[in-house]
């Protein structure tokens, strides 16, 4: 009997431990999805209309062009129909005043000065007045001369 106890007892304990571990193992994705579907079908998810939910219908797109919308916004601003009384101004985006070449040149200069290489501890990295002028001048060099840019900005 002593021999059978020595052999059978570890086998029984191993089988029991295996069954317990199999029951406490995390569920697979397929098992979780199957349980969610069964709970939904049984009405156990709280909202019984979950399966019949329909997304709201998007409104039809505008028939106005961008230029028409902008001119209507400017007219409304001028008539005082936009904004609150404290700040009635309206900013309407009409595109950048800089060319793509200027932006590329300024970005390259900022990278050369180390203004774009930031880590979490250095953010935000603020350029000194001298660095900001260097970046601006890099953009102006692309256009050829700074007098042309000054004249463009004054118009």
N, C-alpha and C. Protein backbone atom coordinates (compact mmCIF):
# COMPACT_ATOMS: atom_id res chain seq x y z
N UNK A 1 0.82 -1.17 0.00
CA UNK A 1 0.00 0.00 0.00
C UNK A 1 0.88 1.25 0.00
N UNK A 2 1.98 1.17 0.65
CA UNK A 2 2.87 2.29 0.72
C UNK A 2 3.37 2.66 -0.68
N UNK A 3 3.63 1.68 -1.50
CA UNK A 3 4.09 1.91 -2.86
C UNK A 3 3.00 2.53 -3.71
N UNK A 4 1.79 2.06 -3.59
CA UNK A 4 0.68 2.62 -4.38
C UNK A 4 0.37 4.06 -3.95
N UNK A 5 0.51 4.36 -2.66
CA UNK A 5 0.27 5.72 -2.18
C UNK A 5 1.34 6.66 -2.74
N UNK A 6 2.56 6.17 -2.78
CA UNK A 6 3.65 6.99 -3.31
C UNK A 6 3.47 7.28 -4.80
N UNK A 7 2.88 6.39 -5.53
CA UNK A 7 2.73 6.57 -6.97
C UNK A 7 1.42 7.29 -7.30
N UNK A 8 0.33 6.87 -6.71
CA UNK A 8 -0.97 7.43 -7.06
C UNK A 8 -1.18 8.85 -6.53
N UNK A 9 -0.73 9.14 -5.35
CA UNK A 9 -0.96 10.46 -4.77
C UNK A 9 -0.34 11.57 -5.62
N UNK A 10 0.91 11.47 -6.06
CA UNK A 10 1.44 12.53 -6.94
C UNK A 10 0.69 12.62 -8.27
N UNK A 11 0.26 11.49 -8.81
CA UNK A 11 -0.49 11.52 -10.07
C UNK A 11 -1.83 12.23 -9.90
N UNK A 12 -2.53 11.96 -8.79
CA UNK A 12 -3.82 12.61 -8.53
C UNK A 12 -3.61 14.11 -8.32
N UNK A 13 -2.59 14.47 -7.56
CA UNK A 13 -2.32 15.90 -7.32
C UNK A 13 -1.95 16.62 -8.62
N UNK A 14 -1.18 15.98 -9.47
CA UNK A 14 -0.79 16.58 -10.74
C UNK A 14 -2.01 16.78 -11.64
N UNK A 15 -2.88 15.80 -11.71
CA UNK A 15 -4.09 15.92 -12.53
C UNK A 15 -5.01 17.01 -12.00
N UNK A 16 -5.15 17.11 -10.69
CA UNK A 16 -5.99 18.14 -10.08
C UNK A 16 -5.42 19.53 -10.33
N UNK A 17 -4.10 19.65 -10.17
CA UNK A 17 -3.46 20.95 -10.40
C UNK A 17 -3.60 21.37 -11.86
N UNK A 18 -3.47 20.44 -12.76
CA UNK A 18 -3.63 20.74 -14.18
C UNK A 18 -5.03 21.23 -14.51
N UNK A 19 -6.03 20.62 -13.92
CA UNK A 19 -7.42 21.03 -14.16
C UNK A 19 -7.68 22.42 -13.59
N UNK A 20 -7.14 22.70 -12.41
CA UNK A 20 -7.33 24.01 -11.79
C UNK A 20 -6.65 25.09 -12.61
N UNK A 21 -5.44 24.81 -13.08
CA UNK A 21 -4.73 25.80 -13.89
C UNK A 21 -5.43 26.03 -15.22
N UNK A 22 -6.01 25.01 -15.80
CA UNK A 22 -6.71 25.17 -17.07
C UNK A 22 -7.95 26.04 -16.89
N UNK A 23 -8.60 25.96 -15.74
CA UNK A 23 -9.79 26.76 -15.50
C UNK A 23 -9.44 28.23 -15.24
N UNK A 24 -8.27 28.53 -14.69
CA UNK A 24 -7.91 29.90 -14.38
C UNK A 24 -7.12 30.56 -15.50
N UNK A 25 -6.89 29.87 -16.60
CA UNK A 25 -6.16 30.45 -17.72
C UNK A 25 -7.00 31.55 -18.36
N UNK A 26 -6.36 32.60 -18.90
CA UNK A 26 -7.13 33.67 -19.53
C UNK A 26 -7.86 33.16 -20.77
N UNK A 27 -8.97 33.81 -21.04
CA UNK A 27 -9.79 33.41 -22.18
C UNK A 27 -9.12 33.85 -23.48
N UNK A 28 -9.39 33.09 -24.52
CA UNK A 28 -8.89 33.50 -25.83
C UNK A 28 -9.81 34.58 -26.39
N UNK A 29 -9.37 35.25 -27.43
CA UNK A 29 -10.16 36.30 -28.06
C UNK A 29 -11.49 35.75 -28.58
N UNK A 30 -11.43 34.56 -29.18
CA UNK A 30 -12.64 33.95 -29.72
C UNK A 30 -13.64 33.63 -28.61
N UNK A 31 -13.14 33.18 -27.46
CA UNK A 31 -14.04 32.87 -26.34
C UNK A 31 -14.71 34.14 -25.80
N UNK A 32 -13.94 35.23 -25.70
CA UNK A 32 -14.51 36.49 -25.21
C UNK A 32 -15.56 37.00 -26.19
N UNK A 33 -15.27 36.92 -27.49
CA UNK A 33 -16.24 37.38 -28.48
C UNK A 33 -17.51 36.53 -28.44
N UNK A 34 -17.35 35.23 -28.27
CA UNK A 34 -18.52 34.36 -28.19
C UNK A 34 -19.36 34.68 -26.95
N UNK A 35 -18.70 34.96 -25.82
CA UNK A 35 -19.44 35.32 -24.61
C UNK A 35 -20.16 36.66 -24.78
N UNK A 36 -19.52 37.61 -25.45
CA UNK A 36 -20.15 38.91 -25.66
C UNK A 36 -21.38 38.78 -26.56
N UNK A 37 -21.28 37.99 -27.60
CA UNK A 37 -22.42 37.78 -28.49
C UNK A 37 -23.55 37.09 -27.75
N UNK A 38 -23.22 36.09 -26.93
CA UNK A 38 -24.26 35.38 -26.16
C UNK A 38 -24.92 36.32 -25.16
N UNK A 39 -24.14 37.18 -24.51
CA UNK A 39 -24.71 38.13 -23.55
C UNK A 39 -25.59 39.14 -24.26
N UNK A 40 -25.17 39.61 -25.43
CA UNK A 40 -25.99 40.55 -26.19
C UNK A 40 -27.31 39.92 -26.60
N UNK A 41 -27.23 38.69 -27.11
CA UNK A 41 -28.44 38.01 -27.54
C UNK A 41 -29.38 37.70 -26.37
N UNK A 42 -28.81 37.50 -25.19
CA UNK A 42 -29.62 37.21 -24.01
C UNK A 42 -30.14 38.50 -23.36
N UNK A 43 -29.72 39.68 -23.88
CA UNK A 43 -30.18 40.94 -23.33
C UNK A 43 -29.50 41.30 -22.03
N UNK A 44 -28.28 40.83 -21.81
CA UNK A 44 -27.58 41.07 -20.55
C UNK A 44 -26.58 42.23 -20.63
N UNK A 45 -26.55 42.97 -21.73
CA UNK A 45 -25.60 44.04 -21.86
C UNK A 45 -26.15 45.39 -21.41
N UNK A 46 -27.34 45.44 -20.93
CA UNK A 46 -27.91 46.68 -20.43
C UNK A 46 -28.82 47.34 -21.43
N UNK A 47 -28.31 47.71 -22.60
CA UNK A 47 -29.12 48.34 -23.62
C UNK A 47 -29.60 47.26 -24.57
N UNK A 48 -30.87 47.05 -24.60
CA UNK A 48 -31.42 45.97 -25.43
C UNK A 48 -31.42 46.33 -26.90
N UNK A 49 -31.18 47.60 -27.24
CA UNK A 49 -31.18 48.03 -28.63
C UNK A 49 -29.77 48.11 -29.21
N UNK A 50 -28.82 47.46 -28.58
CA UNK A 50 -27.44 47.53 -29.05
C UNK A 50 -27.32 46.98 -30.46
N UNK A 51 -27.98 45.88 -30.74
CA UNK A 51 -27.85 45.27 -32.06
C UNK A 51 -28.61 46.04 -33.12
N UNK A 52 -29.55 46.91 -32.74
CA UNK A 52 -30.33 47.62 -33.74
C UNK A 52 -29.89 49.08 -33.85
N UNK A 53 -28.74 49.44 -33.29
CA UNK A 53 -28.26 50.82 -33.35
C UNK A 53 -27.91 51.19 -34.77
N UNK A 54 -28.34 52.36 -35.19
CA UNK A 54 -28.02 52.86 -36.52
C UNK A 54 -27.28 54.18 -36.35
N UNK A 55 -26.21 54.33 -37.08
CA UNK A 55 -25.44 55.57 -37.01
C UNK A 55 -26.24 56.71 -37.60
N UNK A 56 -26.06 57.92 -37.06
CA UNK A 56 -26.80 59.06 -37.62
C UNK A 56 -26.38 59.32 -39.06
N UNK A 57 -27.31 59.79 -39.84
CA UNK A 57 -27.06 60.07 -41.25
C UNK A 57 -26.37 61.42 -41.36
N UNK A 58 -25.31 61.48 -42.14
CA UNK A 58 -24.60 62.75 -42.34
C UNK A 58 -25.42 63.67 -43.21
N UNK A 59 -25.33 64.93 -42.92
CA UNK A 59 -26.03 65.92 -43.73
C UNK A 59 -25.39 65.99 -45.11
N UNK A 60 -26.16 66.39 -46.07
CA UNK A 60 -25.65 66.51 -47.43
C UNK A 60 -24.56 67.58 -47.47
N UNK A 61 -23.58 67.39 -48.31
CA UNK A 61 -22.51 68.37 -48.40
C UNK A 61 -23.02 69.65 -49.04
N UNK A 62 -22.33 70.73 -48.78
CA UNK A 62 -22.74 72.04 -49.26
C UNK A 62 -22.57 72.13 -50.76
N UNK A 63 -23.42 72.92 -51.37
CA UNK A 63 -23.30 73.16 -52.81
C UNK A 63 -22.50 74.42 -53.09
N UNK A 64 -22.11 75.14 -52.03
CA UNK A 64 -21.34 76.37 -52.19
C UNK A 64 -19.86 76.05 -52.35
N UNK A 65 -19.18 76.89 -53.12
CA UNK A 65 -17.74 76.73 -53.25
C UNK A 65 -17.06 77.36 -52.04
N UNK A 66 -15.78 77.08 -51.90
CA UNK A 66 -15.03 77.63 -50.77
C UNK A 66 -15.01 79.16 -50.85
N UNK A 67 -14.83 79.69 -52.06
CA UNK A 67 -14.79 81.15 -52.24
C UNK A 67 -16.14 81.79 -51.86
N UNK A 68 -17.24 81.11 -52.19
CA UNK A 68 -18.56 81.64 -51.84
C UNK A 68 -18.75 81.66 -50.33
N UNK A 69 -18.30 80.61 -49.66
CA UNK A 69 -18.43 80.55 -48.20
C UNK A 69 -17.59 81.64 -47.56
N UNK A 70 -16.37 81.83 -48.08
CA UNK A 70 -15.50 82.88 -47.53
C UNK A 70 -16.10 84.27 -47.73
N UNK A 71 -16.65 84.53 -48.91
CA UNK A 71 -17.23 85.85 -49.15
C UNK A 71 -18.46 86.06 -48.28
N UNK A 72 -19.24 85.02 -48.05
CA UNK A 72 -20.41 85.14 -47.16
C UNK A 72 -19.96 85.39 -45.72
N UNK A 73 -18.86 84.75 -45.31
CA UNK A 73 -18.35 84.97 -43.96
C UNK A 73 -17.83 86.38 -43.79
N UNK A 74 -17.15 86.90 -44.81
CA UNK A 74 -16.65 88.27 -44.74
C UNK A 74 -17.80 89.25 -44.68
N UNK A 75 -18.84 89.02 -45.49
CA UNK A 75 -20.02 89.90 -45.48
C UNK A 75 -20.71 89.87 -44.12
N UNK A 76 -20.82 88.68 -43.52
CA UNK A 76 -21.45 88.56 -42.21
C UNK A 76 -20.60 89.25 -41.15
N UNK A 77 -19.28 89.13 -41.26
CA UNK A 77 -18.39 89.80 -40.30
C UNK A 77 -18.55 91.31 -40.41
N UNK A 78 -18.56 91.81 -41.64
CA UNK A 78 -18.68 93.25 -41.85
C UNK A 78 -20.04 93.77 -41.38
N UNK A 79 -21.06 92.93 -41.45
CA UNK A 79 -22.40 93.33 -41.00
C UNK A 79 -22.55 93.17 -39.49
N UNK A 80 -21.51 92.65 -38.82
CA UNK A 80 -21.57 92.48 -37.37
C UNK A 80 -22.37 91.27 -36.93
N UNK A 81 -22.55 90.30 -37.81
CA UNK A 81 -23.35 89.13 -37.49
C UNK A 81 -22.52 87.96 -36.96
N UNK A 82 -21.22 88.12 -36.92
CA UNK A 82 -20.36 87.04 -36.43
C UNK A 82 -19.60 87.48 -35.20
N UNK A 83 -19.21 86.53 -34.38
CA UNK A 83 -18.41 86.81 -33.20
C UNK A 83 -19.25 87.43 -32.10
N UNK A 84 -18.64 87.60 -30.96
CA UNK A 84 -19.34 88.27 -29.87
C UNK A 84 -18.95 89.74 -29.87
N UNK A 85 -19.56 90.52 -29.04
CA UNK A 85 -19.34 91.96 -29.05
C UNK A 85 -17.93 92.33 -28.61
N UNK A 86 -17.28 91.49 -27.81
CA UNK A 86 -15.95 91.82 -27.32
C UNK A 86 -14.88 91.57 -28.38
N UNK A 87 -15.07 90.57 -29.23
CA UNK A 87 -14.08 90.31 -30.29
C UNK A 87 -14.82 89.93 -31.57
N UNK A 88 -15.32 90.91 -32.30
CA UNK A 88 -16.10 90.59 -33.49
C UNK A 88 -15.26 90.20 -34.70
N UNK A 89 -13.92 90.24 -34.57
CA UNK A 89 -13.10 89.93 -35.72
C UNK A 89 -13.21 88.45 -36.10
N UNK A 90 -13.01 88.20 -37.35
CA UNK A 90 -13.08 86.84 -37.88
C UNK A 90 -11.84 86.60 -38.70
N UNK A 91 -11.15 85.54 -38.41
CA UNK A 91 -9.96 85.21 -39.17
C UNK A 91 -10.35 84.18 -40.22
N UNK A 92 -10.14 84.53 -41.44
CA UNK A 92 -10.47 83.61 -42.54
C UNK A 92 -9.16 83.17 -43.16
N UNK A 93 -8.91 81.87 -43.15
CA UNK A 93 -7.67 81.34 -43.68
C UNK A 93 -7.69 81.43 -45.20
N UNK A 94 -6.69 82.08 -45.74
CA UNK A 94 -6.59 82.18 -47.20
C UNK A 94 -5.31 81.54 -47.70
N UNK A 95 -4.67 80.75 -46.89
CA UNK A 95 -3.43 80.10 -47.29
C UNK A 95 -2.25 80.81 -46.66
N UNK A 96 -1.10 80.21 -46.79
CA UNK A 96 0.11 80.76 -46.20
C UNK A 96 0.65 81.88 -47.08
N UNK A 97 1.29 82.84 -46.45
CA UNK A 97 1.94 83.91 -47.21
C UNK A 97 3.33 83.49 -47.65
N UNK A 98 3.79 82.33 -47.20
CA UNK A 98 5.11 81.84 -47.56
C UNK A 98 5.00 80.77 -48.64
N UNK A 99 6.03 80.70 -49.45
CA UNK A 99 6.07 79.66 -50.46
C UNK A 99 6.56 78.36 -49.83
N UNK A 100 6.36 77.28 -50.55
CA UNK A 100 6.83 75.99 -50.06
C UNK A 100 8.34 76.00 -49.90
N UNK A 101 9.04 76.63 -50.83
CA UNK A 101 10.50 76.69 -50.76
C UNK A 101 10.95 77.44 -49.51
N UNK A 102 10.23 78.51 -49.14
CA UNK A 102 10.58 79.24 -47.92
C UNK A 102 10.42 78.36 -46.70
N UNK A 103 9.31 77.64 -46.63
CA UNK A 103 9.05 76.79 -45.47
C UNK A 103 10.11 75.70 -45.36
N UNK A 104 10.48 75.11 -46.49
CA UNK A 104 11.51 74.07 -46.49
C UNK A 104 12.84 74.65 -46.02
N UNK A 105 13.19 75.83 -46.51
CA UNK A 105 14.46 76.45 -46.12
C UNK A 105 14.46 76.82 -44.64
N UNK A 106 13.36 77.37 -44.14
CA UNK A 106 13.28 77.73 -42.72
C UNK A 106 13.33 76.50 -41.83
N UNK A 107 12.70 75.42 -42.26
CA UNK A 107 12.72 74.18 -41.48
C UNK A 107 14.14 73.62 -41.44
N UNK A 108 14.84 73.66 -42.57
CA UNK A 108 16.22 73.16 -42.61
C UNK A 108 17.12 73.99 -41.69
N UNK A 109 16.92 75.31 -41.69
CA UNK A 109 17.73 76.18 -40.82
C UNK A 109 17.42 75.92 -39.35
N UNK A 110 16.14 75.74 -39.03
CA UNK A 110 15.77 75.46 -37.64
C UNK A 110 16.36 74.12 -37.19
N UNK A 111 16.37 73.15 -38.08
CA UNK A 111 16.97 71.85 -37.74
C UNK A 111 18.48 72.02 -37.54
N UNK A 112 19.13 72.82 -38.40
CA UNK A 112 20.57 73.05 -38.28
C UNK A 112 20.91 73.72 -36.95
N UNK A 113 20.03 74.61 -36.48
CA UNK A 113 20.26 75.30 -35.22
C UNK A 113 19.87 74.45 -34.01
N UNK A 114 19.30 73.26 -34.27
CA UNK A 114 18.93 72.37 -33.18
C UNK A 114 17.60 72.71 -32.53
N UNK A 115 16.77 73.47 -33.22
CA UNK A 115 15.49 73.87 -32.66
C UNK A 115 14.41 72.80 -32.82
N UNK A 116 14.63 71.85 -33.71
CA UNK A 116 13.62 70.81 -33.94
C UNK A 116 13.92 69.52 -33.19
N UNK A 117 15.15 69.37 -32.70
CA UNK A 117 15.53 68.16 -31.97
C UNK A 117 15.22 68.37 -30.49
N UNK A 118 14.02 67.98 -30.07
CA UNK A 118 13.63 68.19 -28.68
C UNK A 118 13.26 66.85 -28.04
N UNK A 119 13.47 66.80 -26.75
CA UNK A 119 13.02 65.64 -25.99
C UNK A 119 11.94 66.13 -25.04
N UNK A 120 11.36 65.22 -24.28
CA UNK A 120 10.30 65.60 -23.35
C UNK A 120 10.79 66.62 -22.33
N UNK A 121 12.04 66.52 -21.94
CA UNK A 121 12.55 67.43 -20.92
C UNK A 121 12.86 68.82 -21.48
N UNK A 122 13.04 68.95 -22.80
CA UNK A 122 13.35 70.22 -23.41
C UNK A 122 12.15 70.90 -24.05
N UNK A 123 11.01 70.25 -24.10
CA UNK A 123 9.85 70.80 -24.79
C UNK A 123 9.16 71.84 -23.94
N UNK A 124 8.74 72.95 -24.42
CA UNK A 124 8.96 73.47 -25.76
C UNK A 124 10.31 74.16 -25.85
N UNK A 125 10.95 74.04 -26.98
CA UNK A 125 12.24 74.69 -27.21
C UNK A 125 11.96 76.01 -27.91
N UNK A 126 12.32 77.10 -27.30
CA UNK A 126 12.02 78.43 -27.82
C UNK A 126 13.28 79.03 -28.40
N UNK A 127 13.16 79.51 -29.63
CA UNK A 127 14.30 80.11 -30.31
C UNK A 127 14.60 81.48 -29.72
N UNK A 128 15.88 81.80 -29.67
CA UNK A 128 16.26 83.15 -29.26
C UNK A 128 15.93 84.10 -30.41
N UNK A 129 15.99 85.39 -30.16
CA UNK A 129 15.70 86.37 -31.21
C UNK A 129 16.69 86.22 -32.36
N UNK A 130 17.94 85.94 -32.03
CA UNK A 130 18.96 85.76 -33.08
C UNK A 130 18.66 84.52 -33.92
N UNK A 131 18.27 83.42 -33.27
CA UNK A 131 17.94 82.20 -34.00
C UNK A 131 16.71 82.41 -34.87
N UNK A 132 15.70 83.10 -34.34
CA UNK A 132 14.49 83.35 -35.13
C UNK A 132 14.81 84.19 -36.36
N UNK A 133 15.71 85.14 -36.22
CA UNK A 133 16.12 85.96 -37.37
C UNK A 133 16.89 85.13 -38.38
N UNK A 134 17.73 84.21 -37.91
CA UNK A 134 18.46 83.33 -38.82
C UNK A 134 17.50 82.46 -39.62
N UNK A 135 16.48 81.96 -38.96
CA UNK A 135 15.49 81.13 -39.65
C UNK A 135 14.74 81.98 -40.68
N UNK A 136 14.36 83.19 -40.30
CA UNK A 136 13.63 84.08 -41.21
C UNK A 136 14.49 84.42 -42.42
N UNK A 137 15.77 84.72 -42.18
CA UNK A 137 16.67 85.06 -43.28
C UNK A 137 16.86 83.89 -44.23
N UNK A 138 16.85 82.66 -43.72
CA UNK A 138 16.96 81.48 -44.59
C UNK A 138 15.78 81.42 -45.55
N UNK A 139 14.60 81.76 -45.06
CA UNK A 139 13.43 81.80 -45.93
C UNK A 139 13.52 82.91 -46.95
N UNK A 140 14.08 84.03 -46.55
CA UNK A 140 14.20 85.16 -47.47
C UNK A 140 15.23 84.89 -48.56
N UNK A 141 16.30 84.17 -48.22
CA UNK A 141 17.33 83.85 -49.21
C UNK A 141 16.76 83.04 -50.36
N UNK A 142 15.75 82.23 -50.08
CA UNK A 142 15.15 81.42 -51.13
C UNK A 142 14.48 82.30 -52.18
N UNK A 143 13.90 83.39 -51.76
CA UNK A 143 13.21 84.27 -52.69
C UNK A 143 14.16 85.15 -53.49
N UNK A 144 15.38 85.24 -53.07
CA UNK A 144 16.34 86.04 -53.82
C UNK A 144 16.80 87.26 -53.07
N UNK A 145 15.87 88.10 -52.64
CA UNK A 145 16.27 89.29 -51.89
C UNK A 145 15.20 89.61 -50.87
N UNK A 146 15.62 90.19 -49.77
CA UNK A 146 14.68 90.51 -48.70
C UNK A 146 13.79 91.68 -49.06
N UNK A 147 14.20 92.56 -49.98
CA UNK A 147 13.35 93.70 -50.33
C UNK A 147 12.10 93.24 -51.05
N UNK A 148 12.20 92.19 -51.87
CA UNK A 148 11.03 91.68 -52.56
C UNK A 148 10.02 91.16 -51.56
N UNK A 149 10.49 90.44 -50.53
CA UNK A 149 9.58 89.89 -49.53
C UNK A 149 8.93 91.01 -48.73
N UNK A 150 9.69 92.02 -48.36
CA UNK A 150 9.12 93.13 -47.61
C UNK A 150 8.04 93.81 -48.44
N UNK A 151 8.30 93.99 -49.73
CA UNK A 151 7.31 94.61 -50.59
C UNK A 151 6.06 93.72 -50.70
N UNK A 152 6.24 92.44 -50.78
CA UNK A 152 5.09 91.52 -50.86
C UNK A 152 4.26 91.59 -49.60
N UNK A 153 4.88 91.65 -48.43
CA UNK A 153 4.15 91.67 -47.18
C UNK A 153 3.43 93.00 -46.96
N UNK A 154 3.95 94.07 -47.56
CA UNK A 154 3.31 95.37 -47.38
C UNK A 154 2.08 95.52 -48.25
N UNK A 155 1.94 94.72 -49.30
CA UNK A 155 0.78 94.83 -50.19
C UNK A 155 -0.46 94.28 -49.59
